[in-house]
Amino acid sequence: MSEWGAFTQIESGKGVWLTDSDGNRMIDAVGSMWCNVWGHSNPELVSVIKNQSKNLQHSSMFNLTNEPAEKLAARLIRISPGMSRVFYSDNGSSAMEISIKIALQYWKNKGEKKTEIATVKNGYHGDTFGAMSVGYVPEFFGKFKKQLFATIQFPVPNKYRVPKGFTFSDYQDHCLEKIERKLSENNKIAAFVMESGAQVAGGVIIYPKGFQRKIGQICKKYGVLLVLDEIATGFGRMGSMLQYEEQKSIPDIVAYGKMLTGGYMTMAATLASKKVYDSFLGEFNNWKHLFHGHTYTGNPMAAAVANKNIEMYQKNHIIKRIQKTAKVFERYRAEISEIDIVGDIRHKGMLMGIELVSNRARKTPIRSKKSINKIFFEEGKKNGIYLRTLGNIVMLVPPLAISEKDLDLLLQKTIKTIQGARHHFV
């Protein structure tokens, strides 16, 4: 946009801190777009990159394989209940495109005409065309609506915005009833696609307890594949290694990304159950194989880093650490709520969304001629914090291994930044 005349250049990163070309330091409150686990310049991960680069930097996985990718696949299957095989890609959007293609081709391979996709409103799965279709956020993708394929969309219960005439509990039941009614009536639905545990880019909407599990049960009841997106919510972000385990909803297909390599290399993975995988097996002339491939699929450097990252999760008991550190967020809830433009706070694990409103009674989102994102970037930079907003939501998504002391400082700086920015909206 024209209002961005220049961009701050980051020269280095150490721990949770970023340093720009002018020597200014900022806490990385968005974990380098939600992917950083251990902070910047972690010596163990840097060492793995150096060592692997001396041996094998990249080799195709077309008719070939490599040891780091094989080891990682075995690791991922061990930690992923119900999964049998791994398909590598290099970013979250691609992992979800692959998930959709596998789900649709599964039924074609089985000889069944199931061609429709069900999903939830305001979900987000990436910026490519298939991902935009199943994760349609109107503010992001409205300009492409005519080019996207149609999906069947269902509402998600948001405790802050419950429709008139419903209690929150009643509205949950209403949403689930709509899903079950449609899946029972329409035998052409191939898959139900949703983020696991919460909608992140859609506004940090954390699912009520049991909601995802019940959707999984409905899918199983009516023979619909459950496809889960754990790219932003898995690997500890919400306080558990895998959200689908915590939610008690074993999928048929699941996508990982972002924190898979600790945020140090680009890599993603799509995992499938044995039932799904077996449907692609046959003789060449059966044409059951999946025609999908990436140049950097199974990149050995990325896979080596991912292997070390998962080892570090276990060695450092990162999930327990997250659960302990995350309590710092709750200690600041009351203070943040006192700011008059704060309408709602949604938090779980190392994820917090602060919804800003101009009218608390009407819950009217803040508006500004200047982009809200730029306002908070500039105000945050003054206070030594790198913040990014999505619409009227301030997102806090720090590196998972952030210390309690640094998280305390991050939250103090966030409060100061919101207070400093409020004059733009009132």
Protein backbone atom coordinates (compact mmCIF):
# COMPACT_ATOMS: atom_id res chain seq x y z
CA MET A 1 0.00 0.00 0.00
CA SER A 2 1.12 3.53 -0.68
CA GLU A 3 1.06 4.44 3.02
CA TRP A 4 4.09 2.18 3.56
CA GLY A 5 6.92 4.31 2.21
CA ALA A 6 9.70 2.08 3.56
CA PHE A 7 10.09 -1.04 5.65
CA THR A 8 12.10 -1.63 8.80
CA GLN A 9 15.06 -3.85 7.96
CA ILE A 10 15.89 -6.54 10.49
CA GLU A 11 19.60 -7.21 10.81
CA SER A 12 19.66 -9.91 13.47
CA GLY A 13 17.64 -11.89 15.97
CA LYS A 14 18.58 -13.29 19.36
CA GLY A 15 16.13 -15.10 21.60
CA VAL A 16 12.79 -13.27 21.47
CA TRP A 17 14.42 -10.05 20.27
CA LEU A 18 14.77 -8.61 16.76
CA THR A 19 17.30 -5.85 16.02
CA ASP A 20 16.86 -3.50 13.06
CA SER A 21 19.43 -1.70 10.93
CA ASP A 22 19.26 1.37 13.23
CA GLY A 23 20.03 -0.72 16.31
CA ASN A 24 16.46 -0.67 17.67
CA ARG A 25 15.36 -3.83 19.50
CA MET A 26 11.83 -5.24 19.45
CA ILE A 27 10.26 -8.27 21.12
CA ASP A 28 8.96 -10.57 18.39
CA ALA A 29 5.34 -10.74 19.58
CA VAL A 30 4.19 -12.60 16.46
CA GLY A 31 6.83 -15.34 16.53
CA SER A 32 7.88 -14.54 12.94
CA MET A 33 4.30 -15.16 11.72
CA TRP A 34 3.47 -17.76 14.39
CA CYS A 35 6.23 -20.25 13.55
CA ASN A 36 9.09 -19.56 15.98
CA VAL A 37 9.54 -22.01 18.86
CA TRP A 38 12.93 -21.49 20.53
CA GLY A 39 13.62 -17.85 19.73
CA HIS A 40 16.09 -16.61 17.14
CA SER A 41 19.65 -17.90 16.63
CA ASN A 42 19.22 -21.07 18.69
CA PRO A 43 22.68 -22.74 18.54
CA GLU A 44 21.36 -26.32 18.31
CA LEU A 45 19.19 -25.61 15.27
CA VAL A 46 21.83 -23.42 13.62
CA SER A 47 24.37 -26.25 14.08
CA VAL A 48 22.06 -28.78 12.39
CA ILE A 49 21.64 -26.47 9.38
CA LYS A 50 25.43 -26.08 9.08
CA ASN A 51 26.14 -29.81 9.41
CA GLN A 52 23.45 -30.95 6.99
CA SER A 53 24.52 -28.34 4.42
CA LYS A 54 27.96 -29.98 4.28
CA ASN A 55 26.51 -33.36 3.33
CA LEU A 56 23.32 -32.99 1.29
CA GLN A 57 21.59 -29.67 0.69
CA HIS A 58 18.77 -30.89 -1.54
CA SER A 59 17.85 -33.98 -3.52
CA SER A 60 14.64 -34.72 -5.36
CA MET A 61 12.11 -37.13 -3.87
CA PHE A 62 10.93 -38.20 -7.31
CA ASN A 63 12.00 -41.90 -7.29
CA LEU A 64 14.52 -41.08 -4.53
CA THR A 65 14.52 -40.49 -0.79
CA ASN A 66 16.89 -39.19 1.89
CA GLU A 67 17.65 -40.13 5.48
CA PRO A 68 16.47 -36.95 7.26
CA ALA A 69 13.09 -37.09 5.48
CA GLU A 70 12.67 -40.80 6.29
CA LYS A 71 13.53 -40.23 9.96
CA LEU A 72 11.14 -37.29 10.17
CA ALA A 73 8.27 -39.26 8.62
CA ALA A 74 8.74 -42.01 11.20
CA ARG A 75 8.81 -39.41 14.00
CA LEU A 76 5.67 -37.69 12.79
CA ILE A 77 3.76 -40.96 12.59
CA ARG A 78 4.88 -41.87 16.14
CA ILE A 79 3.49 -38.65 17.60
CA SER A 80 0.33 -38.55 15.44
CA PRO A 81 -2.34 -41.04 16.58
CA GLY A 82 -4.30 -42.58 13.72
CA MET A 83 -1.90 -41.45 10.99
CA SER A 84 -0.03 -43.84 8.69
CA ARG A 85 1.86 -41.94 5.97
CA VAL A 86 3.43 -38.51 5.34
CA PHE A 87 3.42 -36.34 2.21
CA TYR A 88 5.88 -33.41 2.35
CA SER A 89 5.49 -29.91 0.96
CA ASP A 90 7.08 -26.58 1.76
CA ASN A 91 4.36 -24.31 3.19
CA GLY A 92 0.99 -24.48 4.91
CA SER A 93 -1.11 -23.45 1.90
CA SER A 94 0.43 -26.29 -0.12
CA ALA A 95 -0.13 -28.77 2.71
CA MET A 96 -3.83 -27.86 2.69
CA GLU A 97 -4.09 -28.01 -1.12
CA ILE A 98 -2.65 -31.52 -0.89
CA SER A 99 -5.11 -32.41 1.88
CA ILE A 100 -8.05 -31.35 -0.29
CA LYS A 101 -6.76 -33.21 -3.33
CA ILE A 102 -6.19 -36.39 -1.31
CA ALA A 103 -9.69 -36.18 0.20
CA LEU A 104 -11.39 -35.73 -3.17
CA GLN A 105 -9.31 -38.36 -4.94
CA TYR A 106 -9.87 -40.87 -2.12
CA TRP A 107 -13.54 -41.13 -3.07
CA LYS A 108 -12.74 -41.23 -6.80
CA ASN A 109 -10.32 -44.10 -6.15
CA LYS A 110 -13.08 -45.84 -4.21
CA GLY A 111 -15.49 -45.39 -7.11
CA GLU A 112 -17.85 -43.11 -5.16
CA LYS A 113 -19.18 -39.77 -6.40
CA LYS A 114 -18.40 -37.56 -3.42
CA THR A 115 -17.20 -34.24 -4.75
CA GLU A 116 -18.29 -31.52 -2.30
CA ILE A 117 -16.37 -29.95 0.58
CA ALA A 118 -17.91 -28.79 3.87
CA THR A 119 -16.14 -26.26 6.04
CA VAL A 120 -16.73 -23.55 8.64
CA LYS A 121 -17.31 -19.85 8.05
CA ASN A 122 -14.37 -17.51 8.52
CA GLY A 123 -11.83 -20.33 8.65
CA TYR A 124 -8.40 -19.79 7.15
CA HIS A 125 -6.18 -22.34 5.39
CA GLY A 126 -3.83 -20.29 3.23
CA ASP A 127 -3.71 -17.96 0.25
CA THR A 128 -3.69 -20.32 -2.76
CA PHE A 129 -6.95 -20.88 -4.65
CA GLY A 130 -7.96 -24.20 -3.14
CA ALA A 131 -7.01 -22.99 0.34
CA MET A 132 -8.97 -19.75 -0.21
CA SER A 133 -12.01 -21.77 -1.28
CA VAL A 134 -12.14 -23.88 1.90
CA GLY A 135 -10.91 -21.06 4.13
CA TYR A 136 -12.83 -18.10 2.84
CA VAL A 137 -12.29 -14.93 4.88
CA PRO A 138 -14.26 -12.25 2.97
CA GLU A 139 -11.95 -9.38 3.98
CA PHE A 140 -8.94 -11.21 2.55
CA PHE A 141 -10.37 -12.99 -0.48
CA GLY A 142 -13.55 -11.20 -1.57
CA LYS A 143 -11.90 -10.01 -4.81
CA PHE A 144 -11.43 -13.62 -5.92
CA LYS A 145 -14.83 -15.00 -4.91
CA LYS A 146 -15.99 -15.74 -8.47
CA GLN A 147 -12.86 -17.78 -9.17
CA LEU A 148 -13.16 -19.99 -6.06
CA PHE A 149 -14.92 -23.35 -5.97
CA ALA A 150 -18.09 -23.56 -3.92
CA THR A 151 -18.11 -25.06 -0.42
CA ILE A 152 -20.80 -25.78 2.14
CA GLN A 153 -20.14 -23.47 5.11
CA PHE A 154 -21.33 -23.66 8.70
CA PRO A 155 -21.14 -21.08 11.52
CA VAL A 156 -18.75 -21.44 14.46
CA PRO A 157 -19.83 -20.44 17.99
CA ASN A 158 -18.12 -17.23 19.12
CA LYS A 159 -18.86 -16.46 22.77
CA TYR A 160 -18.41 -12.72 22.21
CA ARG A 161 -20.85 -12.56 19.32
CA VAL A 162 -23.78 -14.87 19.98
CA PRO A 163 -26.83 -14.20 17.73
CA LYS A 164 -29.91 -12.73 19.38
CA GLY A 165 -32.27 -15.26 20.89
CA PHE A 166 -29.55 -17.78 21.77
CA THR A 167 -27.53 -18.60 24.86
CA PHE A 168 -23.95 -19.63 24.06
CA SER A 169 -24.78 -23.25 24.87
CA ASP A 170 -27.90 -23.17 22.69
CA TYR A 171 -25.96 -21.67 19.81
CA GLN A 172 -23.34 -24.45 19.98
CA ASP A 173 -26.13 -27.01 19.72
CA HIS A 174 -27.68 -25.06 16.85
CA CYS A 175 -24.38 -25.06 14.90
CA LEU A 176 -23.88 -28.80 15.42
CA GLU A 177 -27.48 -29.57 14.47
CA LYS A 178 -27.03 -27.67 11.19
CA ILE A 179 -23.91 -29.68 10.43
CA GLU A 180 -25.52 -33.03 11.20
CA ARG A 181 -28.67 -32.23 9.24
CA LYS A 182 -26.67 -31.31 6.13
CA LEU A 183 -24.29 -34.26 6.30
CA SER A 184 -27.23 -36.66 6.79
CA GLU A 185 -29.06 -35.22 3.75
CA ASN A 186 -26.17 -34.78 1.31
CA ASN A 187 -24.28 -37.96 0.38
CA LYS A 188 -21.97 -36.07 -2.01
CA ILE A 189 -19.89 -34.45 0.75
CA ALA A 190 -16.34 -35.81 0.53
CA ALA A 191 -14.73 -34.05 3.47
CA PHE A 192 -15.23 -31.61 6.33
CA VAL A 193 -12.26 -29.21 6.55
CA MET A 194 -11.52 -27.12 9.65
CA GLU A 195 -8.71 -25.66 11.72
CA SER A 196 -8.01 -27.77 14.76
CA GLY A 197 -8.76 -26.20 18.15
CA ALA A 198 -9.39 -22.64 17.02
CA GLN A 199 -9.74 -20.26 14.11
CA VAL A 200 -6.57 -18.19 14.27
CA ALA A 201 -6.47 -15.78 11.31
CA GLY A 202 -10.27 -15.61 11.49
CA GLY A 203 -10.06 -13.72 14.78
CA VAL A 204 -8.73 -16.14 17.43
CA ILE A 205 -12.06 -17.92 17.86
CA ILE A 206 -11.36 -20.78 20.29
CA TYR A 207 -13.81 -23.65 19.93
CA PRO A 208 -15.95 -24.48 22.96
CA LYS A 209 -15.14 -27.76 24.68
CA GLY A 210 -16.47 -30.76 22.79
CA PHE A 211 -17.36 -28.84 19.60
CA GLN A 212 -14.62 -30.30 17.39
CA ARG A 213 -15.03 -33.77 18.88
CA LYS A 214 -18.74 -33.76 18.02
CA ILE A 215 -18.01 -32.68 14.45
CA GLY A 216 -15.61 -35.61 14.17
CA GLN A 217 -18.32 -37.96 15.41
CA ILE A 218 -20.82 -36.58 12.89
CA CYS A 219 -18.30 -37.05 10.05
CA LYS A 220 -17.69 -40.65 11.07
CA LYS A 221 -21.42 -41.33 11.36
CA TYR A 222 -22.12 -40.17 7.80
CA GLY A 223 -18.96 -41.36 6.05
CA VAL A 224 -17.32 -37.96 5.55
CA LEU A 225 -13.54 -37.55 5.80
CA LEU A 226 -12.37 -35.23 8.60
CA VAL A 227 -9.52 -32.99 7.40
CA LEU A 228 -7.80 -30.95 10.13
CA ASP A 229 -5.46 -28.00 9.77
CA GLU A 230 -2.92 -27.91 12.63
CA ILE A 231 -0.51 -25.62 10.81
CA ALA A 232 -0.95 -22.72 13.24
CA THR A 233 -2.56 -24.50 16.22
CA GLY A 234 -0.50 -27.68 16.57
CA PHE A 235 2.99 -28.32 17.96
CA GLY A 236 2.32 -26.55 21.26
CA ARG A 237 0.81 -23.25 20.20
CA MET A 238 -2.40 -23.91 22.15
CA GLY A 239 -0.82 -25.82 25.01
CA SER A 240 -0.81 -29.37 23.62
CA MET A 241 1.44 -31.12 21.13
CA LEU A 242 -1.48 -31.84 18.83
CA GLN A 243 -4.82 -30.14 19.19
CA TYR A 244 -6.69 -33.07 17.68
CA GLU A 245 -5.52 -35.28 20.54
CA GLU A 246 -6.72 -32.75 23.11
CA GLN A 247 -9.99 -32.32 21.22
CA LYS A 248 -10.44 -36.13 21.00
CA SER A 249 -11.08 -35.97 17.26
CA ILE A 250 -8.80 -38.26 15.25
CA PRO A 251 -8.82 -37.04 11.63
CA ASP A 252 -8.46 -38.91 8.36
CA ILE A 253 -6.04 -36.27 7.07
CA VAL A 254 -4.07 -33.62 8.99
CA ALA A 255 -1.70 -30.83 7.90
CA TYR A 256 1.32 -29.54 9.85
CA GLY A 257 3.59 -26.57 9.13
CA LYS A 258 4.92 -23.38 10.75
CA MET A 259 6.47 -24.76 13.98
CA LEU A 260 7.48 -28.07 12.38
CA THR A 261 11.07 -26.79 11.96
CA GLY A 262 10.98 -24.40 14.92
CA GLY A 263 10.57 -21.58 12.40
CA TYR A 264 14.06 -22.01 10.93
CA MET A 265 13.32 -23.59 7.53
CA THR A 266 10.26 -23.74 5.32
CA MET A 267 8.53 -27.12 5.48
CA ALA A 268 5.04 -28.59 5.81
CA ALA A 269 3.54 -32.06 5.88
CA THR A 270 0.20 -33.70 5.14
CA LEU A 271 -0.49 -36.94 7.03
CA ALA A 272 -3.14 -39.50 6.18
CA SER A 273 -4.64 -42.57 7.82
CA LYS A 274 -3.96 -46.08 6.50
CA LYS A 275 -7.49 -46.25 5.07
CA VAL A 276 -6.85 -43.13 3.00
CA TYR A 277 -3.32 -44.14 1.98
CA ASP A 278 -4.34 -47.62 0.87
CA SER A 279 -6.91 -46.18 -1.54
CA PHE A 280 -4.02 -44.79 -3.64
CA LEU A 281 -2.29 -48.16 -4.07
CA GLY A 282 -2.60 -50.13 -7.31
CA GLU A 283 -0.90 -50.92 -10.58
CA PHE A 284 0.30 -47.99 -12.68
CA ASN A 285 -2.52 -48.42 -15.19
CA ASN A 286 -5.11 -48.17 -12.41
CA TRP A 287 -4.23 -44.45 -12.24
CA LYS A 288 -4.87 -44.26 -8.52
CA HIS A 289 -1.65 -42.42 -7.69
CA LEU A 290 -1.61 -38.80 -6.52
CA PHE A 291 -0.29 -36.44 -9.17
CA HIS A 292 1.28 -33.87 -6.90
CA GLY A 293 4.88 -32.96 -6.27
CA HIS A 294 7.11 -30.09 -5.22
CA THR A 295 10.70 -29.29 -6.15
CA TYR A 296 11.67 -28.99 -2.48
CA THR A 297 9.53 -31.86 -1.17
CA GLY A 298 11.30 -33.59 1.72
CA ASN A 299 14.22 -31.15 1.60
CA PRO A 300 16.97 -32.80 3.73
CA MET A 301 18.08 -29.58 5.42
CA ALA A 302 14.54 -28.71 6.49
CA ALA A 303 13.89 -32.32 7.55
CA ALA A 304 17.11 -32.40 9.60
CA VAL A 305 16.07 -29.22 11.42
CA ALA A 306 12.56 -30.62 12.02
CA ASN A 307 14.07 -33.79 13.50
CA LYS A 308 16.21 -31.77 15.91
CA ASN A 309 13.25 -29.51 16.74
CA ILE A 310 11.06 -32.48 17.76
CA GLU A 311 13.94 -33.92 19.81
CA MET A 312 14.21 -30.58 21.61
CA TYR A 313 10.45 -30.61 22.33
CA GLN A 314 10.92 -33.87 24.20
CA LYS A 315 14.25 -33.03 25.84
CA ASN A 316 13.08 -29.62 27.10
CA HIS A 317 9.53 -30.68 28.04
CA ILE A 318 8.28 -27.72 26.02
CA ILE A 319 4.56 -28.56 26.35
CA LYS A 320 4.68 -28.47 30.16
CA ARG A 321 6.73 -25.29 29.97
CA ILE A 322 4.12 -23.66 27.70
CA GLN A 323 1.31 -24.63 30.05
CA LYS A 324 3.17 -22.97 32.93
CA THR A 325 4.29 -19.84 31.07
CA ALA A 326 0.84 -19.32 29.53
CA LYS A 327 -0.54 -18.45 32.98
CA VAL A 328 1.25 -15.09 32.66
CA PHE A 329 -1.30 -14.13 29.97
CA GLU A 330 -4.16 -14.63 32.42
CA ARG A 331 -2.50 -12.43 35.04
CA TYR A 332 -2.81 -9.49 32.63
CA ARG A 333 -6.37 -10.15 31.47
CA ALA A 334 -7.99 -7.73 33.96
CA GLU A 335 -5.53 -4.91 33.23
CA ILE A 336 -5.97 -5.26 29.47
CA SER A 337 -9.77 -5.36 29.88
CA GLU A 338 -9.70 -1.98 31.65
CA ILE A 339 -8.62 -0.23 28.43
CA ASP A 340 -11.81 1.30 27.06
CA ILE A 341 -11.33 0.14 23.45
CA VAL A 342 -10.84 -3.51 24.45
CA GLY A 343 -14.03 -5.46 23.85
CA ASP A 344 -12.95 -9.07 24.33
CA ILE A 345 -9.85 -11.14 25.13
CA ARG A 346 -9.47 -14.69 23.85
CA HIS A 347 -6.57 -16.80 25.07
CA LYS A 348 -5.29 -20.36 25.05
CA GLY A 349 -1.70 -21.52 25.39
CA MET A 350 0.69 -19.19 23.58
CA LEU A 351 -2.07 -17.47 21.64
CA MET A 352 -4.02 -14.36 22.59
CA GLY A 353 -6.40 -12.24 20.55
CA ILE A 354 -7.46 -8.81 21.85
CA GLU A 355 -10.54 -7.53 20.04
CA LEU A 356 -10.73 -3.74 19.85
CA VAL A 357 -14.07 -1.92 19.61
CA SER A 358 -15.19 1.70 19.43
CA ASN A 359 -18.40 0.96 21.34
CA ARG A 360 -18.39 -1.75 23.99
CA ALA A 361 -22.18 -1.95 24.28
CA ARG A 362 -22.65 -2.40 20.53
CA LYS A 363 -19.37 -4.30 20.06
CA THR A 364 -18.57 -2.10 17.07
CA PRO A 365 -15.10 -2.88 15.61
CA ILE A 366 -12.65 0.03 15.58
CA ARG A 367 -12.20 1.79 12.25
CA SER A 368 -9.48 4.06 10.86
CA LYS A 369 -8.62 5.70 7.52
CA LYS A 370 -5.04 4.57 8.09
CA SER A 371 -4.55 0.80 8.30
CA ILE A 372 -4.91 -0.48 11.86
CA ASN A 373 -1.98 -2.80 11.24
CA LYS A 374 0.31 0.15 10.44
CA ILE A 375 -0.90 2.12 13.48
CA PHE A 376 -0.01 -0.74 15.80
CA PHE A 377 3.26 -1.52 14.05
CA GLU A 378 4.43 2.07 14.48
CA GLU A 379 3.19 2.44 18.05
CA GLY A 380 4.60 -0.96 18.96
CA LYS A 381 7.99 -0.11 17.51
CA LYS A 382 8.13 2.98 19.76
CA ASN A 383 7.60 0.67 22.73
CA GLY A 384 10.09 -1.98 21.60
CA ILE A 385 7.61 -4.61 20.41
CA TYR A 386 6.81 -6.03 16.98
CA LEU A 387 3.02 -6.29 16.74
CA ARG A 388 0.75 -7.21 13.88
CA THR A 389 -3.03 -6.97 13.81
CA LEU A 390 -5.66 -8.82 11.80
CA GLY A 391 -8.46 -6.32 11.32
CA ASN A 392 -9.47 -5.10 14.77
CA ILE A 393 -7.71 -7.98 16.56
CA VAL A 394 -4.30 -7.49 18.20
CA MET A 395 -2.54 -10.87 17.93
CA LEU A 396 0.00 -12.07 20.49
CA VAL A 397 1.73 -15.20 19.18
CA PRO A 398 5.25 -15.17 20.71
CA PRO A 399 7.98 -17.82 20.39
CA LEU A 400 6.80 -20.86 22.35
CA ALA A 401 9.86 -21.01 24.59
CA ILE A 402 9.57 -17.39 25.72
CA SER A 403 10.47 -17.00 29.40
CA GLU A 404 7.93 -15.83 31.96
CA LYS A 405 10.02 -12.69 32.44
CA ASP A 406 10.02 -11.85 28.72
CA LEU A 407 6.31 -12.64 28.38
CA ASP A 408 5.63 -10.33 31.32
CA LEU A 409 7.57 -7.59 29.51
CA LEU A 410 5.78 -8.32 26.23
CA LEU A 411 2.37 -7.89 27.87
CA GLN A 412 3.42 -4.64 29.57
CA LYS A 413 4.55 -3.30 26.20
CA THR A 414 1.31 -4.46 24.57
CA ILE A 415 -0.78 -2.56 27.12
CA LYS A 416 1.32 0.56 26.63
CA THR A 417 0.95 0.22 22.84
CA ILE A 418 -2.85 -0.16 22.92
CA GLN A 419 -3.12 2.83 25.24
CA GLY A 420 -0.86 4.86 22.96
CA ALA A 421 -2.83 3.92 19.84
CA ARG A 422 -6.32 4.50 21.24
CA HIS A 423 -6.45 8.18 20.24
CA HIS A 424 -6.65 7.04 16.59
CA PHE A 425 -10.04 5.44 17.25
CA VAL A 426 -11.88 7.45 19.95
